[in-house]
Amino acid sequence: MFMKNSLLRLPSLLLGFVLLLSAPALWSCSTETSFARTLREHQEKYKVIDDDTIQSYLRRNNYLSRSEATGTGLHLVTIENGQGRQVTAGKQVRVKYIGRFLNNSYSNTLFAPGSIFDNSTENRTVCGCAVFTAGSGTVAGFSEGLLRMRERDRKLLLIPSRLGYGPNGQLNSNNSGYIIPPDATLLFDVEILSVSE
């Protein structure tokens, strides 16, 4: 009789044990982990820094009235208005561009504000340009900016770090140093040469 009653209670004991073991996992669903909190605080800190850097650049260069801000934090400044085809996702786009640093917190002069980190004319192509598929790419702010342009447009794309390379930056090919330091705010001077049909 004792054995029979013990066996009947075994499933309810197992269920209770499983619930007891899973309780911390259930509690953590509503609690932010320390990693998530650190990441959120880092993003909030650099959102303020990036916004201040971009606004300062726009004021210094008298671009405030000519700039357009998107909901993501990207700012565009029109230098020339084009009259050609609109850039749309999936289209091949030939562009000339120069990428510069707007700010960083490093003392390394390679990353000084205004210094060039990428230039399409150095790609050794006849046109001195690069070809991108619109709507895709490593730099979210660059991709978003292209989709807001048309043939013969020339715009400055001021990209907050969260839409650039973020807190990871970009390492060189042998991982011995940075090409783009972490949390760098970027500026691309972009001209659309052509948009595929």
C-alpha atoms as a PDB file:
ATOM      1  CA  MET A   1       0.000   0.000   0.000  1.00  0.00           C
ATOM      2  CA  PHE A   2       2.807   2.421   0.876  1.00  0.00           C
ATOM      3  CA  MET A   3       4.550   1.699  -2.418  1.00  0.00           C
ATOM      4  CA  LYS A   4       1.363   2.275  -4.446  1.00  0.00           C
ATOM      5  CA  ASN A   5       0.678   5.697  -2.840  1.00  0.00           C
ATOM      6  CA  SER A   6       4.305   6.791  -3.355  1.00  0.00           C
ATOM      7  CA  LEU A   7       4.171   5.908  -7.033  1.00  0.00           C
ATOM      8  CA  LEU A   8       0.955   7.881  -7.492  1.00  0.00           C
ATOM      9  CA  ARG A   9       2.537  10.974  -5.974  1.00  0.00           C
ATOM     10  CA  LEU A  10       5.717  10.729  -8.109  1.00  0.00           C
ATOM     11  CA  PRO A  11       4.353  12.701 -11.138  1.00  0.00           C
ATOM     12  CA  SER A  12       3.188  15.595  -8.922  1.00  0.00           C
ATOM     13  CA  LEU A  13       6.560  15.599  -7.116  1.00  0.00           C
ATOM     14  CA  LEU A  14       8.412  15.713 -10.463  1.00  0.00           C
ATOM     15  CA  LEU A  15       6.206  18.544 -11.671  1.00  0.00           C
ATOM     16  CA  GLY A  16       6.881  20.493  -8.482  1.00  0.00           C
ATOM     17  CA  PHE A  17      10.633  19.889  -8.829  1.00  0.00           C
ATOM     18  CA  VAL A  18      10.632  21.055 -12.468  1.00  0.00           C
ATOM     19  CA  LEU A  19       8.698  24.204 -11.562  1.00  0.00           C
ATOM     20  CA  LEU A  20      11.089  24.910  -8.700  1.00  0.00           C
ATOM     21  CA  LEU A  21      14.114  24.600 -11.009  1.00  0.00           C
ATOM     22  CA  SER A  22      12.570  26.785 -13.713  1.00  0.00           C
ATOM     23  CA  ALA A  23      11.445  29.555 -11.337  1.00  0.00           C
ATOM     24  CA  PRO A  24      14.638  31.688 -11.710  1.00  0.00           C
ATOM     25  CA  ALA A  25      14.277  31.568 -15.507  1.00  0.00           C
ATOM     26  CA  LEU A  26      10.664  32.663 -15.234  1.00  0.00           C
ATOM     27  CA  TRP A  27      11.566  35.532 -12.899  1.00  0.00           C
ATOM     28  CA  SER A  28      14.335  36.769 -15.227  1.00  0.00           C
ATOM     29  CA  CYS A  29      11.855  37.375 -18.053  1.00  0.00           C
ATOM     30  CA  SER A  30      10.713  40.561 -16.369  1.00  0.00           C
ATOM     31  CA  THR A  31      14.101  41.601 -15.012  1.00  0.00           C
ATOM     32  CA  GLU A  32      16.784  43.257 -17.137  1.00  0.00           C
ATOM     33  CA  THR A  33      20.080  41.368 -17.013  1.00  0.00           C
ATOM     34  CA  SER A  34      23.223  43.261 -16.078  1.00  0.00           C
ATOM     35  CA  PHE A  35      24.566  42.793 -19.625  1.00  0.00           C
ATOM     36  CA  ALA A  36      21.357  44.176 -21.160  1.00  0.00           C
ATOM     37  CA  ARG A  37      21.394  47.099 -18.720  1.00  0.00           C
ATOM     38  CA  THR A  38      25.048  47.889 -19.513  1.00  0.00           C
ATOM     39  CA  LEU A  39      24.331  47.750 -23.245  1.00  0.00           C
ATOM     40  CA  ARG A  40      21.243  49.981 -22.902  1.00  0.00           C
ATOM     41  CA  GLU A  41      23.144  52.522 -20.778  1.00  0.00           C
ATOM     42  CA  HIS A  42      25.994  52.552 -23.318  1.00  0.00           C
ATOM     43  CA  GLN A  43      23.552  53.154 -26.193  1.00  0.00           C
ATOM     44  CA  GLU A  44      21.794  55.948 -24.279  1.00  0.00           C
ATOM     45  CA  LYS A  45      25.135  57.609 -23.477  1.00  0.00           C
ATOM     46  CA  TYR A  46      26.318  57.524 -27.098  1.00  0.00           C
ATOM     47  CA  LYS A  47      22.949  58.620 -28.451  1.00  0.00           C
ATOM     48  CA  VAL A  48      23.423  61.892 -26.529  1.00  0.00           C
ATOM     49  CA  ILE A  49      27.090  62.203 -27.583  1.00  0.00           C
ATOM     50  CA  ASP A  50      26.297  61.458 -31.256  1.00  0.00           C
ATOM     51  CA  ASP A  51      23.349  63.853 -31.366  1.00  0.00           C
ATOM     52  CA  ASP A  52      25.470  66.621 -29.829  1.00  0.00           C
ATOM     53  CA  THR A  53      28.328  65.947 -32.269  1.00  0.00           C
ATOM     54  CA  ILE A  54      26.009  66.056 -35.285  1.00  0.00           C
ATOM     55  CA  GLN A  55      24.206  69.206 -34.120  1.00  0.00           C
ATOM     56  CA  SER A  56      27.558  70.932 -33.446  1.00  0.00           C
ATOM     57  CA  TYR A  57      28.782  70.044 -36.935  1.00  0.00           C
ATOM     58  CA  LEU A  58      25.570  71.347 -38.521  1.00  0.00           C
ATOM     59  CA  ARG A  59      25.801  74.641 -36.576  1.00  0.00           C
ATOM     60  CA  ARG A  60      29.525  75.174 -37.310  1.00  0.00           C
ATOM     61  CA  ASN A  61      28.946  74.710 -41.034  1.00  0.00           C
ATOM     62  CA  ASN A  62      25.629  76.611 -41.279  1.00  0.00           C
ATOM     63  CA  TYR A  63      23.784  73.449 -42.364  1.00  0.00           C
ATOM     64  CA  LEU A  64      21.003  73.486 -39.762  1.00  0.00           C
ATOM     65  CA  SER A  65      18.405  74.929 -42.139  1.00  0.00           C
ATOM     66  CA  ARG A  66      19.480  72.557 -44.936  1.00  0.00           C
ATOM     67  CA  SER A  67      19.511  69.363 -42.894  1.00  0.00           C
ATOM     68  CA  GLU A  68      16.849  66.679 -42.701  1.00  0.00           C
ATOM     69  CA  ALA A  69      16.710  64.283 -39.742  1.00  0.00           C
ATOM     70  CA  THR A  70      15.190  60.826 -39.993  1.00  0.00           C
ATOM     71  CA  GLY A  71      13.485  58.933 -37.184  1.00  0.00           C
ATOM     72  CA  THR A  72      16.575  56.758 -36.733  1.00  0.00           C
ATOM     73  CA  GLY A  73      18.937  59.664 -36.037  1.00  0.00           C
ATOM     74  CA  LEU A  74      20.508  59.924 -39.497  1.00  0.00           C
ATOM     75  CA  HIS A  75      20.912  63.514 -40.763  1.00  0.00           C
ATOM     76  CA  LEU A  76      21.142  64.413 -44.449  1.00  0.00           C
ATOM     77  CA  VAL A  77      22.387  67.716 -45.853  1.00  0.00           C
ATOM     78  CA  THR A  78      21.627  68.406 -49.515  1.00  0.00           C
ATOM     79  CA  ILE A  79      24.579  69.795 -51.465  1.00  0.00           C
ATOM     80  CA  GLU A  80      23.090  69.226 -54.958  1.00  0.00           C
ATOM     81  CA  ASN A  81      19.607  68.091 -55.994  1.00  0.00           C
ATOM     82  CA  GLY A  82      19.542  65.493 -58.742  1.00  0.00           C
ATOM     83  CA  GLN A  83      16.819  64.968 -61.332  1.00  0.00           C
ATOM     84  CA  GLY A  84      17.332  61.280 -62.134  1.00  0.00           C
ATOM     85  CA  ARG A  85      15.843  57.985 -60.956  1.00  0.00           C
ATOM     86  CA  GLN A  86      15.077  57.495 -57.287  1.00  0.00           C
ATOM     87  CA  VAL A  87      17.226  54.968 -55.435  1.00  0.00           C
ATOM     88  CA  THR A  88      15.075  52.013 -54.343  1.00  0.00           C
ATOM     89  CA  ALA A  89      15.901  48.826 -52.459  1.00  0.00           C
ATOM     90  CA  GLY A  90      17.599  46.174 -54.563  1.00  0.00           C
ATOM     91  CA  LYS A  91      18.818  48.573 -57.280  1.00  0.00           C
ATOM     92  CA  GLN A  92      22.505  48.747 -58.183  1.00  0.00           C
ATOM     93  CA  VAL A  93      23.819  52.222 -57.418  1.00  0.00           C
ATOM     94  CA  ARG A  94      27.133  53.708 -58.595  1.00  0.00           C
ATOM     95  CA  VAL A  95      28.370  56.293 -56.101  1.00  0.00           C
ATOM     96  CA  LYS A  96      31.354  58.487 -55.382  1.00  0.00           C
ATOM     97  CA  TYR A  97      31.921  59.029 -51.688  1.00  0.00           C
ATOM     98  CA  ILE A  98      34.346  60.143 -49.048  1.00  0.00           C
ATOM     99  CA  GLY A  99      33.984  58.887 -45.464  1.00  0.00           C
ATOM    100  CA  ARG A 100      35.270  61.039 -42.600  1.00  0.00           C
ATOM    101  CA  PHE A 101      35.254  60.844 -38.816  1.00  0.00           C
ATOM    102  CA  LEU A 102      33.076  63.409 -37.055  1.00  0.00           C
ATOM    103  CA  ASN A 103      34.275  62.569 -33.544  1.00  0.00           C
ATOM    104  CA  ASN A 104      35.767  59.938 -31.353  1.00  0.00           C
ATOM    105  CA  SER A 105      37.174  59.639 -27.879  1.00  0.00           C
ATOM    106  CA  TYR A 106      40.600  58.423 -28.981  1.00  0.00           C
ATOM    107  CA  SER A 107      43.829  60.405 -28.884  1.00  0.00           C
ATOM    108  CA  ASN A 108      45.067  58.648 -32.032  1.00  0.00           C
ATOM    109  CA  THR A 109      45.434  61.231 -34.821  1.00  0.00           C
ATOM    110  CA  LEU A 110      44.392  58.618 -37.403  1.00  0.00           C
ATOM    111  CA  PHE A 111      40.858  59.023 -36.078  1.00  0.00           C
ATOM    112  CA  ALA A 112      40.881  62.818 -35.674  1.00  0.00           C
ATOM    113  CA  PRO A 113      37.634  64.587 -36.572  1.00  0.00           C
ATOM    114  CA  GLY A 114      37.627  65.363 -40.295  1.00  0.00           C
ATOM    115  CA  SER A 115      40.201  62.723 -41.211  1.00  0.00           C
ATOM    116  CA  ILE A 116      39.308  60.426 -44.116  1.00  0.00           C
ATOM    117  CA  PHE A 117      38.824  56.711 -43.465  1.00  0.00           C
ATOM    118  CA  ASP A 118      37.435  55.694 -46.889  1.00  0.00           C
ATOM    119  CA  ASN A 119      37.413  57.231 -50.355  1.00  0.00           C
ATOM    120  CA  SER A 120      35.844  55.650 -53.441  1.00  0.00           C
ATOM    121  CA  THR A 121      38.438  57.283 -55.717  1.00  0.00           C
ATOM    122  CA  GLU A 122      41.033  54.993 -54.137  1.00  0.00           C
ATOM    123  CA  ASN A 123      39.160  51.854 -55.287  1.00  0.00           C
ATOM    124  CA  ARG A 124      41.169  51.787 -58.534  1.00  0.00           C
ATOM    125  CA  THR A 125      38.112  51.869 -60.765  1.00  0.00           C
ATOM    126  CA  VAL A 126      37.833  53.884 -63.972  1.00  0.00           C
ATOM    127  CA  CYS A 127      34.942  55.925 -62.572  1.00  0.00           C
ATOM    128  CA  GLY A 128      36.532  56.394 -59.133  1.00  0.00           C
ATOM    129  CA  CYS A 129      33.314  55.034 -57.727  1.00  0.00           C
ATOM    130  CA  ALA A 130      31.842  52.044 -55.944  1.00  0.00           C
ATOM    131  CA  VAL A 131      28.748  49.962 -56.666  1.00  0.00           C
ATOM    132  CA  PHE A 132      26.279  49.123 -53.911  1.00  0.00           C
ATOM    133  CA  THR A 133      23.005  47.273 -53.767  1.00  0.00           C
ATOM    134  CA  ALA A 134      20.630  49.814 -52.270  1.00  0.00           C
ATOM    135  CA  GLY A 135      19.029  48.820 -48.982  1.00  0.00           C
ATOM    136  CA  SER A 136      21.778  46.430 -47.908  1.00  0.00           C
ATOM    137  CA  GLY A 137      25.208  46.866 -46.431  1.00  0.00           C
ATOM    138  CA  THR A 138      27.286  46.936 -43.291  1.00  0.00           C
ATOM    139  CA  VAL A 139      26.621  50.555 -42.353  1.00  0.00           C
ATOM    140  CA  ALA A 140      22.895  50.973 -41.676  1.00  0.00           C
ATOM    141  CA  GLY A 141      23.062  54.782 -41.858  1.00  0.00           C
ATOM    142  CA  PHE A 142      24.765  54.679 -45.274  1.00  0.00           C
ATOM    143  CA  SER A 143      22.148  52.234 -46.605  1.00  0.00           C
ATOM    144  CA  GLU A 144      19.308  54.362 -45.240  1.00  0.00           C
ATOM    145  CA  GLY A 145      20.853  57.503 -46.727  1.00  0.00           C
ATOM    146  CA  LEU A 146      21.153  55.971 -50.209  1.00  0.00           C
ATOM    147  CA  LEU A 147      17.433  55.143 -50.156  1.00  0.00           C
ATOM    148  CA  ARG A 148      16.699  58.849 -49.627  1.00  0.00           C
ATOM    149  CA  MET A 149      18.610  59.926 -52.738  1.00  0.00           C
ATOM    150  CA  ARG A 150      18.232  59.988 -56.519  1.00  0.00           C
ATOM    151  CA  GLU A 151      20.587  60.132 -59.505  1.00  0.00           C
ATOM    152  CA  ARG A 152      22.870  63.167 -59.462  1.00  0.00           C
ATOM    153  CA  ASP A 153      22.083  63.957 -55.815  1.00  0.00           C
ATOM    154  CA  ARG A 154      25.004  64.889 -53.644  1.00  0.00           C
ATOM    155  CA  LYS A 155      24.343  64.761 -49.906  1.00  0.00           C
ATOM    156  CA  LEU A 156      26.213  64.615 -46.647  1.00  0.00           C
ATOM    157  CA  LEU A 157      25.130  61.689 -44.483  1.00  0.00           C
ATOM    158  CA  LEU A 158      25.846  62.323 -40.793  1.00  0.00           C
ATOM    159  CA  ILE A 159      25.674  58.924 -39.162  1.00  0.00           C
ATOM    160  CA  PRO A 160      25.421  58.338 -35.405  1.00  0.00           C
ATOM    161  CA  SER A 161      27.589  55.491 -34.132  1.00  0.00           C
ATOM    162  CA  ARG A 162      24.583  53.195 -33.561  1.00  0.00           C
ATOM    163  CA  LEU A 163      23.899  53.359 -37.346  1.00  0.00           C
ATOM    164  CA  GLY A 164      27.596  53.009 -38.169  1.00  0.00           C
ATOM    165  CA  TYR A 165      29.921  50.438 -36.652  1.00  0.00           C
ATOM    166  CA  GLY A 166      28.583  50.827 -33.106  1.00  0.00           C
ATOM    167  CA  PRO A 167      30.504  49.830 -29.973  1.00  0.00           C
ATOM    168  CA  ASN A 168      32.510  47.181 -31.859  1.00  0.00           C
ATOM    169  CA  GLY A 169      34.088  49.446 -34.474  1.00  0.00           C
ATOM    170  CA  GLN A 170      35.827  47.761 -37.400  1.00  0.00           C
ATOM    171  CA  LEU A 171      39.156  45.997 -37.073  1.00  0.00           C
ATOM    172  CA  ASN A 172      41.741  45.859 -39.859  1.00  0.00           C
ATOM    173  CA  SER A 173      42.244  42.629 -41.795  1.00  0.00           C
ATOM    174  CA  ASN A 174      44.723  41.122 -39.315  1.00  0.00           C
ATOM    175  CA  ASN A 175      42.716  42.259 -36.240  1.00  0.00           C
ATOM    176  CA  SER A 176      45.698  44.196 -34.885  1.00  0.00           C
ATOM    177  CA  GLY A 177      44.018  47.607 -34.802  1.00  0.00           C
ATOM    178  CA  TYR A 178      40.966  49.587 -35.752  1.00  0.00           C
ATOM    179  CA  ILE A 179      40.028  51.047 -39.117  1.00  0.00           C
ATOM    180  CA  ILE A 180      36.909  52.522 -37.488  1.00  0.00           C
ATOM    181  CA  PRO A 181      37.133  52.927 -33.705  1.00  0.00           C
ATOM    182  CA  PRO A 182      34.212  51.934 -31.486  1.00  0.00           C
ATOM    183  CA  ASP A 183      31.406  54.493 -31.136  1.00  0.00           C
ATOM    184  CA  ALA A 184      32.655  56.736 -33.960  1.00  0.00           C
ATOM    185  CA  THR A 185      30.211  59.229 -35.474  1.00  0.00           C
ATOM    186  CA  LEU A 186      30.699  59.269 -39.246  1.00  0.00           C
ATOM    187  CA  LEU A 187      30.160  61.624 -42.172  1.00  0.00           C
ATOM    188  CA  PHE A 188      29.854  60.443 -45.765  1.00  0.00           C
ATOM    189  CA  ASP A 189      29.885  62.901 -48.672  1.00  0.00           C
ATOM    190  CA  VAL A 190      27.936  60.901 -51.283  1.00  0.00           C
ATOM    191  CA  GLU A 191      27.167  61.575 -54.945  1.00  0.00           C
ATOM    192  CA  ILE A 192      24.848  59.213 -56.858  1.00  0.00           C
ATOM    193  CA  LEU A 193      26.262  58.699 -60.353  1.00  0.00           C
ATOM    194  CA  SER A 194      23.666  56.227 -61.615  1.00  0.00           C
ATOM    195  CA  VAL A 195      20.822  53.952 -60.538  1.00  0.00           C
ATOM    196  CA  SER A 196      20.140  50.703 -62.409  1.00  0.00           C
ATOM    197  CA  GLU A 197      16.773  50.348 -64.159  1.00  0.00           C
END
